[in-house]
Protein backbone atom coordinates (compact mmCIF):
# COMPACT_ATOMS: atom_id res chain seq x y z
CA UNK A 1 -121.61 -104.08 -117.26
CA UNK A 2 -125.27 -105.16 -116.77
CA UNK A 3 -126.09 -108.47 -115.00
CA UNK A 4 -129.02 -110.62 -113.84
CA UNK A 5 -128.73 -113.51 -111.40
CA UNK A 6 -131.06 -116.59 -111.20
CA UNK A 7 -130.94 -119.22 -108.48
CA UNK A 8 -131.69 -122.96 -108.04
CA UNK A 9 -130.22 -125.64 -105.86
CA UNK A 10 -128.74 -129.26 -106.15
CA UNK A 11 -128.24 -132.09 -103.76
CA UNK A 12 -125.37 -134.50 -104.72
CA UNK A 13 -123.34 -137.21 -103.18
CA UNK A 14 -119.61 -137.53 -103.92
CA UNK A 15 -116.10 -138.40 -102.42
CA UNK A 16 -112.67 -137.01 -102.94
CA UNK A 17 -109.32 -138.48 -103.55
CA UNK A 18 -106.30 -136.86 -101.71
CA UNK A 19 -105.30 -136.40 -98.04
CA UNK A 20 -105.97 -132.68 -98.42
CA UNK A 21 -109.78 -133.54 -98.19
CA UNK A 22 -109.49 -135.39 -94.83
CA UNK A 23 -112.79 -136.99 -93.94
CA UNK A 24 -114.42 -135.86 -97.18
CA UNK A 25 -112.66 -138.63 -98.96
CA UNK A 26 -115.47 -140.77 -97.72
CA UNK A 27 -118.71 -140.68 -99.61
CA UNK A 28 -120.81 -137.69 -98.26
CA UNK A 29 -123.68 -135.41 -99.38
CA UNK A 30 -123.63 -131.83 -100.29
CA UNK A 31 -126.51 -129.32 -100.99
CA UNK A 32 -125.57 -126.22 -102.97
CA UNK A 33 -127.49 -123.02 -103.69
CA UNK A 34 -126.60 -122.24 -107.31
CA UNK A 35 -126.41 -118.66 -108.69
CA UNK A 36 -125.93 -118.03 -112.38
CA UNK A 37 -125.17 -114.45 -113.26
CA UNK A 38 -125.21 -113.41 -116.86
CA UNK A 39 -123.43 -110.20 -117.82
CA UNK A 40 -123.34 -108.04 -120.87
CA UNK A 41 -122.01 -104.59 -121.89
CA UNK A 42 -125.17 -103.35 -123.47
CA UNK A 43 -128.79 -104.37 -122.99
CA UNK A 44 -130.57 -106.10 -125.86
CA UNK A 45 -133.26 -104.43 -128.11
CA UNK A 46 -135.83 -105.27 -125.36
CA UNK A 47 -133.67 -103.45 -122.76
CA UNK A 48 -132.83 -106.74 -120.90
CA UNK A 49 -129.71 -108.76 -120.24
CA UNK A 50 -131.58 -112.10 -120.97
CA UNK A 51 -135.15 -113.41 -120.40
CA UNK A 52 -135.18 -114.24 -116.67
CA UNK A 53 -137.71 -116.98 -117.27
CA UNK A 54 -135.56 -118.77 -119.83
CA UNK A 55 -132.42 -118.25 -117.71
CA UNK A 56 -134.33 -119.81 -114.74
CA UNK A 57 -135.50 -122.70 -116.89
CA UNK A 58 -132.14 -123.45 -118.45
CA UNK A 59 -130.38 -123.39 -115.03
CA UNK A 60 -133.00 -125.76 -113.72
CA UNK A 61 -132.35 -128.08 -116.58
CA UNK A 62 -128.63 -128.04 -116.02
CA UNK A 63 -128.73 -128.55 -112.41
CA UNK A 64 -131.49 -131.28 -112.90
CA UNK A 65 -128.90 -133.32 -114.72
CA UNK A 66 -126.72 -133.41 -111.47
CA UNK A 67 -129.59 -133.44 -108.76
CA UNK A 68 -129.76 -136.49 -106.56
CA UNK A 69 -126.87 -138.03 -108.15
CA UNK A 70 -123.85 -139.80 -106.76
CA UNK A 71 -121.28 -138.00 -108.88
CA UNK A 72 -118.77 -140.84 -108.26
CA UNK A 73 -121.06 -143.03 -110.36
CA UNK A 74 -121.49 -140.58 -113.19
CA UNK A 75 -119.34 -141.29 -116.44
CA UNK A 76 -118.76 -137.49 -116.94
CA UNK A 77 -117.02 -137.30 -113.54
CA UNK A 78 -114.95 -140.54 -113.58
CA UNK A 79 -111.83 -140.09 -111.64
CA UNK A 80 -112.38 -136.47 -111.07
CA UNK A 81 -112.44 -134.51 -107.76
CA UNK A 82 -115.87 -132.85 -108.06
CA UNK A 83 -114.90 -129.90 -105.72
CA UNK A 84 -117.27 -126.97 -105.43
CA UNK A 85 -115.10 -124.99 -107.73
CA UNK A 86 -115.05 -127.68 -110.40
CA UNK A 87 -118.84 -128.03 -110.32
CA UNK A 88 -119.25 -124.38 -110.82
CA UNK A 89 -117.22 -124.65 -113.97
CA UNK A 90 -119.17 -127.53 -115.18
CA UNK A 91 -122.40 -125.70 -114.69
CA UNK A 92 -121.20 -122.49 -116.37
CA UNK A 93 -119.85 -124.47 -119.32
CA UNK A 94 -123.20 -126.33 -119.69
CA UNK A 95 -125.09 -123.01 -119.59
CA UNK A 96 -122.69 -121.47 -122.21
CA UNK A 97 -123.38 -124.53 -124.49
CA UNK A 98 -127.21 -123.83 -124.17
CA UNK A 99 -126.67 -120.21 -125.03
CA UNK A 100 -124.66 -121.12 -128.07
CA UNK A 101 -127.51 -123.42 -129.16
CA UNK A 102 -130.06 -120.61 -128.80
CA UNK A 103 -131.89 -122.15 -125.76
CA UNK A 104 -131.96 -118.67 -124.02
CA UNK A 105 -133.14 -116.84 -127.11
CA UNK A 106 -131.40 -114.83 -129.86
CA UNK A 107 -130.77 -111.91 -127.57
CA UNK A 108 -128.67 -113.99 -125.21
CA UNK A 109 -125.93 -114.30 -127.76
CA UNK A 110 -124.84 -110.83 -126.64
CA UNK A 111 -124.08 -112.14 -123.17
CA UNK A 112 -120.29 -111.50 -122.57
CA UNK A 113 -119.71 -113.51 -119.49
CA UNK A 114 -121.42 -116.08 -117.08
CA UNK A 115 -120.49 -116.55 -113.43
CA UNK A 116 -121.67 -119.44 -111.59
CA UNK A 117 -121.54 -119.47 -107.76
CA UNK A 118 -122.10 -122.56 -105.67
CA UNK A 119 -122.88 -121.75 -102.04
CA UNK A 120 -121.90 -124.49 -99.61
CA UNK A 121 -123.20 -122.65 -96.71
CA UNK A 122 -123.94 -119.22 -95.49
CA UNK A 123 -120.29 -118.62 -94.91
CA UNK A 124 -118.61 -120.53 -97.77
CA UNK A 125 -118.97 -120.54 -101.55
CA UNK A 126 -117.06 -120.87 -104.81
CA UNK A 127 -117.40 -119.38 -108.16
CA UNK A 128 -116.33 -119.75 -111.80
CA UNK A 129 -116.57 -116.96 -114.37
CA UNK A 130 -116.10 -117.46 -118.13
CA UNK A 131 -116.35 -115.45 -121.18
CA UNK A 132 -118.69 -116.54 -124.00
């Protein structure tokens, strides 16, 4: 399996519901490094997984929709615990939609999987991987 990874970051505010979250139940901020990895069995006719420039651009557009937002106030996240794992899935799903619409080029339709990893710190991160 071939892969490329592009990176961006987001800064969000949110709170959680449930005793398991302890003090994070209160409104707090989080900064994440966001890695999006695109995987495919065979390279496209240009011998690439996907155009890195387009992948970077589209990841930037997806995280730009979340950046500097209080997710508690966003209708898409009403009543949802926006955990790191959950946000990784949201970003992966939004990237998948862009691939299906052709935003990463025709060659990107050969991508088999996307994995999104959100790094909370240098010692903790969460990922979500999905097939296309």
